[in-house]
Full PDB file with SEQRES, HELIX, SHEET, SSBOND, CRYST1, ORIGX, SCALE, CONECT and MASTER records, all heavy atoms in Angstrom:
SEQRES   1 A   31  ILE ALA ALA ARG LYS GLY LEU SER VAL HIS THR VAL ARG          
SEQRES   2 A   31  ASN GLN LEU ARG THR THR PHE ALA LYS THR HIS THR HIS          
SEQRES   3 A   31  ARG GLN HIS GLN LEU                                          
HELIX    1 AA1 ALA A    2  LYS A    5  1                                   4    
HELIX    2 AA2 VAL A    9  THR A   23  1                                  15    
CRYST1    1.000    1.000    1.000  90.00  90.00  90.00 P 1           1          
ORIGX1      1.000000  0.000000  0.000000        0.00000                         
ORIGX2      0.000000  1.000000  0.000000        0.00000                         
ORIGX3      0.000000  0.000000  1.000000        0.00000                         
SCALE1      1.000000  0.000000  0.000000        0.00000                         
SCALE2      0.000000  1.000000  0.000000        0.00000                         
SCALE3      0.000000  0.000000  1.000000        0.00000                         
ATOM      1  N   ILE A   1       0.794  -1.146   0.019  1.00  0.00           N  
ATOM      2  CA  ILE A   1      -0.010  -0.018   0.018  1.00  0.00           C  
ATOM      3  C   ILE A   1       0.873   1.193   0.006  1.00  0.00           C  
ATOM      4  O   ILE A   1       0.553   2.257  -0.661  1.00  0.00           O  
ATOM      5  CB  ILE A   1      -1.025  -0.015   1.226  1.00  0.00           C  
ATOM      6  CG1 ILE A   1      -1.966  -1.206   1.109  1.00  0.00           C  
ATOM      7  CG2 ILE A   1      -1.694   1.374   1.322  1.00  0.00           C  
ATOM      8  CD1 ILE A   1      -2.676  -1.398   2.445  1.00  0.00           C  
ATOM      9  N   ALA A   2       1.934   1.257   0.891  1.00  0.00           N  
ATOM     10  CA  ALA A   2       2.791   2.435   0.888  1.00  0.00           C  
ATOM     11  C   ALA A   2       3.536   2.637  -0.447  1.00  0.00           C  
ATOM     12  O   ALA A   2       3.571   3.744  -0.896  1.00  0.00           O  
ATOM     13  CB  ALA A   2       3.901   2.158   2.019  1.00  0.00           C  
ATOM     14  N   ALA A   3       3.976   1.508  -1.136  1.00  0.00           N  
ATOM     15  CA  ALA A   3       4.718   1.711  -2.307  1.00  0.00           C  
ATOM     16  C   ALA A   3       3.683   2.240  -3.454  1.00  0.00           C  
ATOM     17  O   ALA A   3       4.083   3.118  -4.256  1.00  0.00           O  
ATOM     18  CB  ALA A   3       5.242   0.400  -2.714  1.00  0.00           C  
ATOM     19  N   ARG A   4       2.465   1.722  -3.464  1.00  0.00           N  
ATOM     20  CA  ARG A   4       1.549   2.210  -4.473  1.00  0.00           C  
ATOM     21  C   ARG A   4       1.119   3.591  -4.304  1.00  0.00           C  
ATOM     22  O   ARG A   4       0.926   4.263  -5.299  1.00  0.00           O  
ATOM     23  CB  ARG A   4       0.270   1.234  -4.373  1.00  0.00           C  
ATOM     24  CG  ARG A   4      -0.951   1.622  -5.378  1.00  0.00           C  
ATOM     25  CD  ARG A   4      -1.924   0.572  -5.340  1.00  0.00           C  
ATOM     26  NE  ARG A   4      -2.529   0.268  -4.040  1.00  0.00           N  
ATOM     27  CZ  ARG A   4      -3.478   0.972  -3.485  1.00  0.00           C  
ATOM     28  NH1 ARG A   4      -3.881   2.052  -3.820  1.00  0.00           N  
ATOM     29  NH2 ARG A   4      -3.821   0.542  -2.180  1.00  0.00           N  
ATOM     30  N   LYS A   5       1.104   4.067  -2.991  1.00  0.00           N  
ATOM     31  CA  LYS A   5       0.673   5.470  -2.832  1.00  0.00           C  
ATOM     32  C   LYS A   5       1.784   6.394  -2.688  1.00  0.00           C  
ATOM     33  O   LYS A   5       1.652   7.710  -2.568  1.00  0.00           O  
ATOM     34  CB  LYS A   5      -0.167   5.511  -1.521  1.00  0.00           C  
ATOM     35  CG  LYS A   5      -1.542   4.810  -1.616  1.00  0.00           C  
ATOM     36  CD  LYS A   5      -2.425   5.134  -0.532  1.00  0.00           C  
ATOM     37  CE  LYS A   5      -3.788   4.645  -0.736  1.00  0.00           C  
ATOM     38  NZ  LYS A   5      -4.783   5.127   0.311  1.00  0.00           N  
ATOM     39  N   GLY A   6       3.013   5.932  -2.718  1.00  0.00           N  
ATOM     40  CA  GLY A   6       4.219   6.727  -2.705  1.00  0.00           C  
ATOM     41  C   GLY A   6       4.423   7.343  -1.302  1.00  0.00           C  
ATOM     42  O   GLY A   6       4.900   8.429  -1.085  1.00  0.00           O  
ATOM     43  N   LEU A   7       3.984   6.597  -0.242  1.00  0.00           N  
ATOM     44  CA  LEU A   7       4.075   6.964   1.276  1.00  0.00           C  
ATOM     45  C   LEU A   7       5.145   6.116   1.868  1.00  0.00           C  
ATOM     46  O   LEU A   7       5.587   5.011   1.451  1.00  0.00           O  
ATOM     47  CB  LEU A   7       2.775   6.847   1.871  1.00  0.00           C  
ATOM     48  CG  LEU A   7       1.608   7.694   1.319  1.00  0.00           C  
ATOM     49  CD1 LEU A   7       0.267   7.311   2.015  1.00  0.00           C  
ATOM     50  CD2 LEU A   7       1.854   9.052   1.445  1.00  0.00           C  
ATOM     51  N   SER A   8       5.540   6.500   3.041  1.00  0.00           N  
ATOM     52  CA  SER A   8       6.374   5.672   3.911  1.00  0.00           C  
ATOM     53  C   SER A   8       5.576   4.660   4.687  1.00  0.00           C  
ATOM     54  O   SER A   8       4.369   4.941   4.851  1.00  0.00           O  
ATOM     55  CB  SER A   8       7.250   6.499   4.903  1.00  0.00           C  
ATOM     56  OG  SER A   8       6.327   6.990   5.907  1.00  0.00           O  
ATOM     57  N   VAL A   9       6.149   3.512   5.049  1.00  0.00           N  
ATOM     58  CA  VAL A   9       5.412   2.565   5.762  1.00  0.00           C  
ATOM     59  C   VAL A   9       4.943   3.129   7.178  1.00  0.00           C  
ATOM     60  O   VAL A   9       4.025   2.757   7.540  1.00  0.00           O  
ATOM     61  CB  VAL A   9       6.273   1.317   5.836  1.00  0.00           C  
ATOM     62  CG1 VAL A   9       5.540   0.197   6.791  1.00  0.00           C  
ATOM     63  CG2 VAL A   9       6.584   0.591   4.623  1.00  0.00           C  
ATOM     64  N   HIS A  10       5.827   4.036   7.664  1.00  0.00           N  
ATOM     65  CA  HIS A  10       5.519   4.545   8.880  1.00  0.00           C  
ATOM     66  C   HIS A  10       4.226   5.505   8.843  1.00  0.00           C  
ATOM     67  O   HIS A  10       3.332   5.399   9.720  1.00  0.00           O  
ATOM     68  CB  HIS A  10       6.686   5.627   9.355  1.00  0.00           C  
ATOM     69  CG  HIS A  10       6.532   6.357  10.634  1.00  0.00           C  
ATOM     70  ND1 HIS A  10       6.443   5.681  11.907  1.00  0.00           N  
ATOM     71  CD2 HIS A  10       6.103   7.641  10.838  1.00  0.00           C  
ATOM     72  CE1 HIS A  10       6.176   6.695  12.772  1.00  0.00           C  
ATOM     73  NE2 HIS A  10       6.010   7.844  12.169  1.00  0.00           N  
ATOM     74  N   THR A  11       4.101   6.167   7.759  1.00  0.00           N  
ATOM     75  CA  THR A  11       2.835   6.865   7.550  1.00  0.00           C  
ATOM     76  C   THR A  11       1.663   6.112   7.430  1.00  0.00           C  
ATOM     77  O   THR A  11       0.535   6.330   8.082  1.00  0.00           O  
ATOM     78  CB  THR A  11       2.932   7.821   6.309  1.00  0.00           C  
ATOM     79  OG1 THR A  11       4.077   8.723   6.474  1.00  0.00           O  
ATOM     80  CG2 THR A  11       1.608   8.535   5.997  1.00  0.00           C  
ATOM     81  N   VAL A  12       1.717   5.000   6.706  1.00  0.00           N  
ATOM     82  CA  VAL A  12       0.575   3.960   6.575  1.00  0.00           C  
ATOM     83  C   VAL A  12       0.298   3.402   7.952  1.00  0.00           C  
ATOM     84  O   VAL A  12      -0.894   3.134   8.272  1.00  0.00           O  
ATOM     85  CB  VAL A  12       0.978   3.031   5.499  1.00  0.00           C  
ATOM     86  CG1 VAL A  12      -0.124   1.961   5.478  1.00  0.00           C  
ATOM     87  CG2 VAL A  12       1.157   3.666   4.133  1.00  0.00           C  
ATOM     88  N   ARG A  13       1.354   3.019   8.733  1.00  0.00           N  
ATOM     89  CA  ARG A  13       0.982   2.445  10.076  1.00  0.00           C  
ATOM     90  C   ARG A  13       0.319   3.412  10.975  1.00  0.00           C  
ATOM     91  O   ARG A  13      -0.546   2.993  11.696  1.00  0.00           O  
ATOM     92  CB  ARG A  13       2.359   2.131  10.725  1.00  0.00           C  
ATOM     93  CG  ARG A  13       3.108   0.899  10.115  1.00  0.00           C  
ATOM     94  CD  ARG A  13       4.155   0.437  10.995  1.00  0.00           C  
ATOM     95  NE  ARG A  13       4.870  -0.733  10.278  1.00  0.00           N  
ATOM     96  CZ  ARG A  13       4.542  -1.940  10.282  1.00  0.00           C  
ATOM     97  NH1 ARG A  13       3.422  -2.292  10.996  1.00  0.00           N  
ATOM     98  NH2 ARG A  13       5.228  -2.934   9.702  1.00  0.00           N  
ATOM     99  N   ASN A  14       0.551   4.714  10.802  1.00  0.00           N  
ATOM    100  CA  ASN A  14      -0.141   5.722  11.649  1.00  0.00           C  
ATOM    101  C   ASN A  14      -1.598   5.704  11.270  1.00  0.00           C  
ATOM    102  O   ASN A  14      -2.480   5.923  12.050  1.00  0.00           O  
ATOM    103  CB  ASN A  14       0.462   7.195  11.474  1.00  0.00           C  
ATOM    104  CG  ASN A  14       1.885   7.243  12.339  1.00  0.00           C  
ATOM    105  OD1 ASN A  14       2.111   6.432  13.215  1.00  0.00           O  
ATOM    106  ND2 ASN A  14       2.707   8.141  11.792  1.00  0.00           N  
ATOM    107  N   GLN A  15      -1.865   5.713   9.860  1.00  0.00           N  
ATOM    108  CA  GLN A  15      -3.173   5.740   9.375  1.00  0.00           C  
ATOM    109  C   GLN A  15      -3.916   4.412   9.963  1.00  0.00           C  
ATOM    110  O   GLN A  15      -5.109   4.516  10.290  1.00  0.00           O  
ATOM    111  CB  GLN A  15      -3.275   5.696   7.932  1.00  0.00           C  
ATOM    112  CG  GLN A  15      -2.848   7.151   7.259  1.00  0.00           C  
ATOM    113  CD  GLN A  15      -2.927   6.934   5.786  1.00  0.00           C  
ATOM    114  OE1 GLN A  15      -2.912   5.916   5.166  1.00  0.00           O  
ATOM    115  NE2 GLN A  15      -2.819   8.088   5.136  1.00  0.00           N  
ATOM    116  N   LEU A  16      -3.237   3.188  10.013  1.00  0.00           N  
ATOM    117  CA  LEU A  16      -3.823   2.040  10.510  1.00  0.00           C  
ATOM    118  C   LEU A  16      -4.136   2.193  11.951  1.00  0.00           C  
ATOM    119  O   LEU A  16      -5.297   1.717  12.374  1.00  0.00           O  
ATOM    120  CB  LEU A  16      -2.923   0.910  10.234  1.00  0.00           C  
ATOM    121  CG  LEU A  16      -3.362  -0.489  10.670  1.00  0.00           C  
ATOM    122  CD1 LEU A  16      -4.753  -0.768   9.975  1.00  0.00           C  
ATOM    123  CD2 LEU A  16      -2.260  -1.608  10.429  1.00  0.00           C  
ATOM    124  N   ARG A  17      -3.424   2.836  12.718  1.00  0.00           N  
ATOM    125  CA  ARG A  17      -3.589   2.991  14.246  1.00  0.00           C  
ATOM    126  C   ARG A  17      -4.920   3.802  14.375  1.00  0.00           C  
ATOM    127  O   ARG A  17      -5.807   3.405  15.225  1.00  0.00           O  
ATOM    128  CB  ARG A  17      -2.500   3.757  14.908  1.00  0.00           C  
ATOM    129  CG  ARG A  17      -1.211   2.830  15.013  1.00  0.00           C  
ATOM    130  CD  ARG A  17      -0.151   3.593  15.976  1.00  0.00           C  
ATOM    131  NE  ARG A  17       1.093   2.900  15.943  1.00  0.00           N  
ATOM    132  CZ  ARG A  17       2.167   3.164  15.164  1.00  0.00           C  
ATOM    133  NH1 ARG A  17       1.987   4.232  14.474  1.00  0.00           N  
ATOM    134  NH2 ARG A  17       3.170   2.424  15.268  1.00  0.00           N  
ATOM    135  N   THR A  18      -5.044   4.875  13.654  1.00  0.00           N  
ATOM    136  CA  THR A  18      -6.407   5.654  13.753  1.00  0.00           C  
ATOM    137  C   THR A  18      -7.551   4.828  13.261  1.00  0.00           C  
ATOM    138  O   THR A  18      -8.662   4.984  13.735  1.00  0.00           O  
ATOM    139  CB  THR A  18      -6.300   6.970  13.046  1.00  0.00           C  
ATOM    140  OG1 THR A  18      -5.973   6.784  11.682  1.00  0.00           O  
ATOM    141  CG2 THR A  18      -5.077   7.881  13.527  1.00  0.00           C  
ATOM    142  N   THR A  19      -7.321   4.052  12.194  1.00  0.00           N  
ATOM    143  CA  THR A  19      -8.385   3.198  11.763  1.00  0.00           C  
ATOM    144  C   THR A  19      -8.801   2.189  12.767  1.00  0.00           C  
ATOM    145  O   THR A  19      -9.997   1.940  12.952  1.00  0.00           O  
ATOM    146  CB  THR A  19      -7.961   2.508  10.435  1.00  0.00           C  
ATOM    147  OG1 THR A  19      -7.600   3.488   9.581  1.00  0.00           O  
ATOM    148  CG2 THR A  19      -9.092   1.668   9.903  1.00  0.00           C  
ATOM    149  N   PHE A  20      -7.826   1.526  13.457  1.00  0.00           N  
ATOM    150  CA  PHE A  20      -8.138   0.644  14.483  1.00  0.00           C  
ATOM    151  C   PHE A  20      -8.943   1.330  15.588  1.00  0.00           C  
ATOM    152  O   PHE A  20      -9.918   0.696  16.098  1.00  0.00           O  
ATOM    153  CB  PHE A  20      -6.797   0.085  15.097  1.00  0.00           C  
ATOM    154  CG  PHE A  20      -6.247  -1.037  14.342  1.00  0.00           C  
ATOM    155  CD1 PHE A  20      -4.754  -1.258  14.574  1.00  0.00           C  
ATOM    156  CD2 PHE A  20      -6.824  -1.712  13.389  1.00  0.00           C  
ATOM    157  CE1 PHE A  20      -4.181  -2.229  13.850  1.00  0.00           C  
ATOM    158  CE2 PHE A  20      -6.254  -2.703  12.665  1.00  0.00           C  
ATOM    159  CZ  PHE A  20      -4.834  -2.973  12.920  1.00  0.00           C  
ATOM    160  N   ALA A  21      -8.556   2.458  15.975  1.00  0.00           N  
ATOM    161  CA  ALA A  21      -9.274   3.179  17.111  1.00  0.00           C  
ATOM    162  C   ALA A  21     -10.601   3.427  16.715  1.00  0.00           C  
ATOM    163  O   ALA A  21     -11.588   3.340  17.490  1.00  0.00           O  
ATOM    164  CB  ALA A  21      -8.403   4.399  17.391  1.00  0.00           C  
ATOM    165  N   LYS A  22     -10.913   3.957  15.523  1.00  0.00           N  
ATOM    166  CA  LYS A  22     -12.286   4.282  15.123  1.00  0.00           C  
ATOM    167  C   LYS A  22     -13.280   3.120  14.988  1.00  0.00           C  
ATOM    168  O   LYS A  22     -14.411   3.269  15.179  1.00  0.00           O  
ATOM    169  CB  LYS A  22     -12.262   5.162  13.802  1.00  0.00           C  
ATOM    170  CG  LYS A  22     -11.660   6.580  13.903  1.00  0.00           C  
ATOM    171  CD  LYS A  22     -11.615   7.272  12.629  1.00  0.00           C  
ATOM    172  CE  LYS A  22     -11.036   8.675  12.763  1.00  0.00           C  
ATOM    173  NZ  LYS A  22     -11.085   9.387  11.458  1.00  0.00           N  
ATOM    174  N   THR A  23     -12.553   1.929  14.573  1.00  0.00           N  
ATOM    175  CA  THR A  23     -13.415   0.787  14.251  1.00  0.00           C  
ATOM    176  C   THR A  23     -13.473  -0.145  15.445  1.00  0.00           C  
ATOM    177  O   THR A  23     -14.097  -1.244  15.346  1.00  0.00           O  
ATOM    178  CB  THR A  23     -12.875   0.057  13.084  1.00  0.00           C  
ATOM    179  OG1 THR A  23     -11.526  -0.335  13.191  1.00  0.00           O  
ATOM    180  CG2 THR A  23     -13.023   0.909  11.738  1.00  0.00           C  
ATOM    181  N   HIS A  24     -12.792   0.159  16.520  1.00  0.00           N  
ATOM    182  CA  HIS A  24     -12.680  -0.650  17.735  1.00  0.00           C  
ATOM    183  C   HIS A  24     -12.077  -2.023  17.524  1.00  0.00           C  
ATOM    184  O   HIS A  24     -12.662  -2.965  17.918  1.00  0.00           O  
ATOM    185  CB  HIS A  24     -14.089  -0.739  18.442  1.00  0.00           C  
ATOM    186  CG  HIS A  24     -14.697   0.508  18.625  1.00  0.00           C  
ATOM    187  ND1 HIS A  24     -14.259   1.476  19.511  1.00  0.00           N  
ATOM    188  CD2 HIS A  24     -15.872   1.127  18.096  1.00  0.00           C  
ATOM    189  CE1 HIS A  24     -15.164   2.537  19.530  1.00  0.00           C  
ATOM    190  NE2 HIS A  24     -16.079   2.357  18.566  1.00  0.00           N  
ATOM    191  N   THR A  25     -11.078  -2.084  16.588  1.00  0.00           N  
ATOM    192  CA  THR A  25     -10.379  -3.228  16.330  1.00  0.00           C  
ATOM    193  C   THR A  25      -8.891  -2.949  16.753  1.00  0.00           C  
ATOM    194  O   THR A  25      -8.502  -1.916  16.946  1.00  0.00           O  
ATOM    195  CB  THR A  25     -10.419  -3.520  14.781  1.00  0.00           C  
ATOM    196  OG1 THR A  25      -9.872  -2.447  14.017  1.00  0.00           O  
ATOM    197  CG2 THR A  25     -11.929  -3.951  14.418  1.00  0.00           C  
ATOM    198  N   HIS A  26      -8.129  -4.245  16.801  1.00  0.00           N  
ATOM    199  CA  HIS A  26      -6.846  -4.100  17.313  1.00  0.00           C  
ATOM    200  C   HIS A  26      -5.743  -4.772  16.277  1.00  0.00           C  
ATOM    201  O   HIS A  26      -4.641  -4.661  16.534  1.00  0.00           O  
ATOM    202  CB  HIS A  26      -6.794  -4.725  18.641  1.00  0.00           C  
ATOM    203  CG  HIS A  26      -7.650  -4.125  19.655  1.00  0.00           C  
ATOM    204  ND1 HIS A  26      -7.441  -2.894  20.277  1.00  0.00           N  
ATOM    205  CD2 HIS A  26      -8.955  -4.624  20.120  1.00  0.00           C  
ATOM    206  CE1 HIS A  26      -8.457  -2.687  21.113  1.00  0.00           C  
ATOM    207  NE2 HIS A  26      -9.324  -3.624  21.016  1.00  0.00           N  
ATOM    208  N   ARG A  27      -6.299  -5.658  15.486  1.00  0.00           N  
ATOM    209  CA  ARG A  27      -5.341  -6.361  14.579  1.00  0.00           C  
ATOM    210  C   ARG A  27      -5.985  -6.290  13.057  1.00  0.00           C  
ATOM    211  O   ARG A  27      -7.164  -6.050  12.960  1.00  0.00           O  
ATOM    212  CB  ARG A  27      -5.363  -7.908  14.860  1.00  0.00           C  
ATOM    213  CG  ARG A  27      -4.784  -8.067  16.326  1.00  0.00           C  
ATOM    214  CD  ARG A  27      -3.187  -7.874  16.217  1.00  0.00           C  
ATOM    215  NE  ARG A  27      -2.489  -8.330  17.460  1.00  0.00           N  
ATOM    216  CZ  ARG A  27      -2.346  -7.490  18.438  1.00  0.00           C  
ATOM    217  NH1 ARG A  27      -2.741  -6.181  18.513  1.00  0.00           N  
ATOM    218  NH2 ARG A  27      -1.763  -7.862  19.613  1.00  0.00           N  
ATOM    219  N   GLN A  28      -5.111  -6.465  12.094  1.00  0.00           N  
ATOM    220  CA  GLN A  28      -5.493  -6.367  10.717  1.00  0.00           C  
ATOM    221  C   GLN A  28      -6.670  -7.423  10.442  1.00  0.00           C  
ATOM    222  O   GLN A  28      -7.559  -7.117   9.726  1.00  0.00           O  
ATOM    223  CB  GLN A  28      -4.406  -6.660   9.758  1.00  0.00           C  
ATOM    224  CG  GLN A  28      -3.375  -5.411   9.785  1.00  0.00           C  
ATOM    225  CD  GLN A  28      -2.357  -5.641   8.819  1.00  0.00           C  
ATOM    226  OE1 GLN A  28      -2.498  -6.209   7.694  1.00  0.00           O  
ATOM    227  NE2 GLN A  28      -1.089  -5.081   9.150  1.00  0.00           N  
ATOM    228  N   HIS A  29      -6.549  -8.708  10.944  1.00  0.00           N  
ATOM    229  CA  HIS A  29      -7.529  -9.652  10.651  1.00  0.00           C  
ATOM    230  C   HIS A  29      -8.848  -9.354  11.213  1.00  0.00           C  
ATOM    231  O   HIS A  29      -9.942  -9.715  10.725  1.00  0.00           O  
ATOM    232  CB  HIS A  29      -7.056 -10.962  11.217  1.00  0.00           C  
ATOM    233  CG  HIS A  29      -7.062 -11.190  12.639  1.00  0.00           C  
ATOM    234  ND1 HIS A  29      -8.124 -11.662  13.344  1.00  0.00           N  
ATOM    235  CD2 HIS A  29      -6.049 -11.022  13.550  1.00  0.00           C  
ATOM    236  CE1 HIS A  29      -7.837 -11.647  14.651  1.00  0.00           C  
ATOM    237  NE2 HIS A  29      -6.666 -11.387  14.827  1.00  0.00           N  
ATOM    238  N   GLN A  30      -8.870  -8.656  12.341  1.00  0.00           N  
ATOM    239  CA  GLN A  30     -10.144  -8.060  12.901  1.00  0.00           C  
ATOM    240  C   GLN A  30     -10.818  -7.091  12.036  1.00  0.00           C  
ATOM    241  O   GLN A  30     -11.948  -7.001  11.824  1.00  0.00           O  
ATOM    242  CB  GLN A  30      -9.927  -7.487  14.367  1.00  0.00           C  
ATOM    243  CG  GLN A  30      -9.487  -8.558  15.438  1.00  0.00           C  
ATOM    244  CD  GLN A  30      -9.205  -7.987  16.752  1.00  0.00           C  
ATOM    245  OE1 GLN A  30      -8.759  -6.810  16.658  1.00  0.00           O  
ATOM    246  NE2 GLN A  30      -9.289  -8.740  17.762  1.00  0.00           N  
ATOM    247  N   LEU A  31      -9.921  -6.143  11.522  1.00  0.00           N  
ATOM    248  CA  LEU A  31     -10.493  -5.137  10.528  1.00  0.00           C  
ATOM    249  C   LEU A  31     -11.037  -5.730   9.251  1.00  0.00           C  
ATOM    250  O   LEU A  31     -12.114  -5.359   8.838  1.00  0.00           O  
ATOM    251  CB  LEU A  31      -9.420  -4.112  10.235  1.00  0.00           C  
ATOM    252  CG  LEU A  31      -9.723  -3.025   9.330  1.00  0.00           C  
ATOM    253  CD1 LEU A  31     -10.772  -2.163   9.886  1.00  0.00           C  
ATOM    254  CD2 LEU A  31      -8.498  -2.119   9.003  1.00  0.00           C  
TER     255      LEU A  31                                                      
MASTER        0    0    0    2    0    0    0    6  254    1    0    3          
END                                                                             
């Protein structure tokens, strides 16, 4: 995802953390 969007993996991980928080999930498989 990071490579396709031209972002760092760190930026994508930060987006994932906020996504987890908003959806009340904690792991990718839960999302």
